[in-house]
């Protein structure tokens, strides 16, 4: 928890306050973070523990943020492929 509190104040962790839901503020990923996350997603849709740790360290994000991004990205991919049919 202490690490997440520090990470929230790090660059790339701006929050959107409009209609915010109580709890953890929404992470606004930087363009560089998104580029690296998308590159990793193209290589492999499911991220392993070691790759999650590597990405978290490289992008200054928590492993939980990486995990959640991949979950959301898989759902987006699923919707896109279903819409294409």
Protein backbone atom coordinates (compact mmCIF):
# COMPACT_ATOMS: atom_id res chain seq x y z
CA UNK A 1 0.00 0.00 0.00
CA UNK A 2 2.79 2.43 0.80
CA UNK A 3 4.33 1.80 -2.64
CA UNK A 4 0.99 2.50 -4.32
CA UNK A 5 0.63 5.75 -2.38
CA UNK A 6 4.07 6.83 -3.61
CA UNK A 7 3.32 5.65 -7.17
CA UNK A 8 0.13 7.72 -7.33
CA UNK A 9 2.25 10.84 -6.95
CA UNK A 10 4.71 9.75 -9.64
CA UNK A 11 4.76 11.12 -13.19
CA UNK A 12 2.16 9.47 -15.39
CA UNK A 13 -0.32 9.16 -12.55
CA UNK A 14 -2.53 12.16 -13.15
CA UNK A 15 -6.15 11.62 -12.18
CA UNK A 16 -9.43 12.54 -13.79
CA UNK A 17 -11.69 14.07 -11.16
CA UNK A 18 -14.88 14.40 -13.25
CA UNK A 19 -17.49 11.89 -11.99
CA UNK A 20 -14.81 10.07 -10.01
CA UNK A 21 -15.92 6.94 -8.19
CA UNK A 22 -14.88 6.71 -4.54
CA UNK A 23 -11.72 4.68 -4.05
CA UNK A 24 -8.51 4.67 -6.02
CA UNK A 25 -8.29 7.48 -8.57
CA UNK A 26 -8.17 6.51 -12.23
CA UNK A 27 -4.68 6.27 -13.70
CA UNK A 28 -4.01 8.34 -16.79
CA UNK A 29 -1.28 6.52 -18.66
CA UNK A 30 1.32 8.52 -20.57
CA UNK A 31 1.77 8.00 -24.31
CA UNK A 32 5.09 6.22 -23.68
CA UNK A 33 3.49 3.90 -21.12
CA UNK A 34 0.64 3.05 -23.49
CA UNK A 35 3.04 2.43 -26.36
CA UNK A 36 5.02 -0.08 -24.30
CA UNK A 37 1.87 -1.74 -22.91
CA UNK A 38 0.40 -2.10 -26.41
CA UNK A 39 3.69 -3.52 -27.73
CA UNK A 40 3.73 -6.09 -24.96
CA UNK A 41 0.04 -6.92 -25.58
CA UNK A 42 0.71 -7.54 -29.30
CA UNK A 43 3.40 -10.04 -28.33
CA UNK A 44 1.32 -11.84 -25.72
CA UNK A 45 -2.26 -11.18 -24.56
CA UNK A 46 -1.70 -12.79 -21.16
CA UNK A 47 1.15 -11.41 -19.10
CA UNK A 48 3.30 -13.59 -16.86
CA UNK A 49 4.54 -12.64 -13.41
CA UNK A 50 8.10 -11.85 -14.49
CA UNK A 51 6.97 -9.70 -17.44
CA UNK A 52 4.47 -7.93 -15.16
CA UNK A 53 7.29 -7.11 -12.72
CA UNK A 54 9.54 -5.94 -15.55
CA UNK A 55 6.87 -3.68 -17.07
CA UNK A 56 5.88 -2.27 -13.68
CA UNK A 57 9.49 -1.32 -12.94
CA UNK A 58 10.17 0.02 -16.44
CA UNK A 59 6.96 2.10 -16.61
CA UNK A 60 6.84 3.26 -12.98
CA UNK A 61 3.47 1.57 -12.42
CA UNK A 62 2.30 -1.03 -9.92
CA UNK A 63 1.90 -4.67 -10.88
CA UNK A 64 -1.78 -4.28 -10.08
CA UNK A 65 -2.08 -1.44 -12.62
CA UNK A 66 -0.36 -3.60 -15.25
CA UNK A 67 -2.64 -6.55 -14.50
CA UNK A 68 -5.76 -4.39 -14.69
CA UNK A 69 -4.62 -2.74 -17.94
CA UNK A 70 -4.15 -6.17 -19.54
CA UNK A 71 -7.57 -7.34 -18.33
CA UNK A 72 -9.22 -4.23 -19.76
CA UNK A 73 -7.25 -4.48 -23.00
CA UNK A 74 -8.32 -8.11 -23.50
CA UNK A 75 -11.96 -7.07 -23.08
CA UNK A 76 -11.48 -4.25 -25.59
CA UNK A 77 -9.87 -6.72 -28.01
CA UNK A 78 -12.79 -9.14 -27.54
CA UNK A 79 -15.34 -6.39 -28.26
CA UNK A 80 -13.43 -5.28 -31.35
CA UNK A 81 -13.22 -8.80 -32.77
CA UNK A 82 -16.93 -9.45 -32.07
CA UNK A 83 -17.94 -6.16 -33.70
CA UNK A 84 -15.87 -7.02 -36.78
CA UNK A 85 -18.02 -10.11 -37.40
